[in-house]
Amino acid sequence: MKRRVKPTPVTRFFSTQFLNFISTLFLLVICTFLSARPVFAQQILKPDELCSNNLQAMVSFADAVLEAAARETLSIGSEDALTCSLVSSLTSIHDVLQIAIKGVRD
């Protein structure tokens, strides 16, 4: 029959601290894992590039007034992503140009 050794106060203190440390570390790892979202690099097209097969690529305009007009026509703010799929929903450049011309006049 084995004799059980009674833990000393120092042993109990360090075992409790170690368990607290491991528990905190475990929770930190779990929270990090749960909050991590996959990050994908967003392709930004140059003004002379076409959307072709990448509808999630971001469109850039050489002219800031034209970009602002396109955003206004699409009803999106300057902080929103201007993707190929959004720009492809523009059915008429006429509306965009009218807004751009009005912006230049103002």
Protein backbone atom coordinates (compact mmCIF):
# COMPACT_ATOMS: atom_id res chain seq x y z
CA MET A 1 0.00 0.00 0.00
CA LYS A 2 1.39 3.36 -1.08
CA ARG A 3 1.61 6.12 1.38
CA ARG A 4 0.30 9.41 0.10
CA VAL A 5 2.48 12.43 0.72
CA LYS A 6 0.62 15.39 2.12
CA PRO A 7 1.24 18.48 -0.05
CA THR A 8 2.89 21.43 1.61
CA PRO A 9 1.44 24.93 1.33
CA VAL A 10 4.20 25.85 -1.13
CA THR A 11 3.42 22.85 -3.31
CA ARG A 12 -0.30 23.67 -3.25
CA PHE A 13 0.40 27.31 -4.14
CA PHE A 14 2.56 26.43 -7.15
CA SER A 15 0.21 23.72 -8.38
CA THR A 16 -2.71 26.16 -8.15
CA GLN A 17 -0.73 28.86 -9.97
CA PHE A 18 0.30 26.39 -12.64
CA LEU A 19 -3.31 25.27 -13.17
CA ASN A 20 -4.44 28.90 -13.39
CA PHE A 21 -1.71 29.61 -15.94
CA ILE A 22 -2.61 26.58 -18.06
CA SER A 23 -6.33 27.44 -17.89
CA THR A 24 -5.66 31.04 -18.95
CA LEU A 25 -3.38 29.92 -21.75
CA PHE A 26 -5.98 27.42 -22.96
CA LEU A 27 -8.72 30.09 -22.98
CA LEU A 28 -6.45 32.49 -24.82
CA VAL A 29 -5.70 29.92 -27.51
CA ILE A 30 -9.39 29.02 -27.87
CA CYS A 31 -10.47 32.69 -28.09
CA THR A 32 -7.78 33.41 -30.67
CA PHE A 33 -8.83 30.42 -32.72
CA LEU A 34 -12.52 31.33 -32.60
CA SER A 35 -11.99 35.00 -33.42
CA ALA A 36 -9.57 34.38 -36.27
CA ARG A 37 -11.16 34.82 -39.66
CA PRO A 38 -9.51 33.84 -42.87
CA VAL A 39 -7.81 36.78 -44.50
CA PHE A 40 -7.69 36.93 -48.25
CA ALA A 41 -5.68 39.44 -50.18
CA GLN A 42 -8.00 41.67 -52.15
CA GLN A 43 -6.81 42.18 -55.69
CA ILE A 44 -6.98 45.80 -56.78
CA LEU A 45 -7.18 46.30 -60.50
CA LYS A 46 -5.39 49.16 -62.18
CA PRO A 47 -7.49 51.49 -64.35
CA ASP A 48 -6.30 49.73 -67.51
CA GLU A 49 -7.07 46.18 -66.25
CA LEU A 50 -10.31 44.32 -66.87
CA CYS A 51 -12.48 42.49 -64.36
CA SER A 52 -12.67 39.40 -66.61
CA ASN A 53 -13.09 36.39 -64.30
CA ASN A 54 -12.47 38.02 -60.93
CA LEU A 55 -15.72 39.65 -59.79
CA GLN A 56 -14.37 40.15 -56.26
CA ALA A 57 -11.40 42.26 -57.40
CA MET A 58 -11.54 45.91 -56.46
CA VAL A 59 -11.86 48.48 -59.23
CA SER A 60 -9.79 51.65 -59.27
CA PHE A 61 -10.46 54.79 -61.27
CA ALA A 62 -7.85 57.13 -62.70
CA ASP A 63 -10.30 60.01 -62.16
CA ALA A 64 -11.52 60.67 -58.59
CA VAL A 65 -14.62 62.54 -59.83
CA LEU A 66 -15.64 59.61 -62.02
CA GLU A 67 -15.10 57.21 -59.11
CA ALA A 68 -17.23 59.37 -56.82
CA ALA A 69 -19.96 59.47 -59.47
CA ALA A 70 -19.86 55.68 -59.86
CA ARG A 71 -20.09 55.26 -56.08
CA GLU A 72 -23.04 57.67 -55.93
CA THR A 73 -24.81 55.83 -58.76
CA LEU A 74 -24.25 52.52 -56.93
CA SER A 75 -25.31 54.10 -53.60
CA ILE A 76 -22.13 53.07 -51.79
CA GLY A 77 -19.86 55.15 -49.60
CA SER A 78 -16.20 55.93 -50.08
CA GLU A 79 -15.25 53.35 -47.44
CA ASP A 80 -17.12 50.51 -49.16
CA ALA A 81 -15.33 48.14 -51.52
CA LEU A 82 -15.90 48.99 -55.18
CA THR A 83 -15.77 45.47 -56.62
CA CYS A 84 -16.08 44.27 -60.18
CA SER A 85 -19.43 42.68 -59.39
CA LEU A 86 -20.80 46.07 -58.24
CA VAL A 87 -19.39 47.95 -61.22
CA SER A 88 -20.74 45.33 -63.60
CA SER A 89 -24.23 46.14 -62.31
CA LEU A 90 -23.96 49.61 -63.84
CA THR A 91 -26.16 49.34 -66.91
CA SER A 92 -25.70 52.85 -68.19
CA ILE A 93 -22.60 55.01 -68.13
CA HIS A 94 -24.89 57.94 -68.91
CA ASP A 95 -26.06 58.23 -65.28
CA VAL A 96 -22.49 58.09 -64.00
CA LEU A 97 -21.32 60.73 -66.46
CA GLN A 98 -24.24 63.02 -65.60
CA ILE A 99 -23.30 62.86 -61.91
CA ALA A 100 -19.61 63.36 -62.75
CA ILE A 101 -20.35 66.41 -64.91
CA LYS A 102 -22.58 67.85 -62.19
CA GLY A 103 -19.74 67.29 -59.66
CA VAL A 104 -17.25 69.11 -61.87
CA ARG A 105 -19.62 72.07 -62.29
CA ASP A 106 -20.27 72.38 -58.53
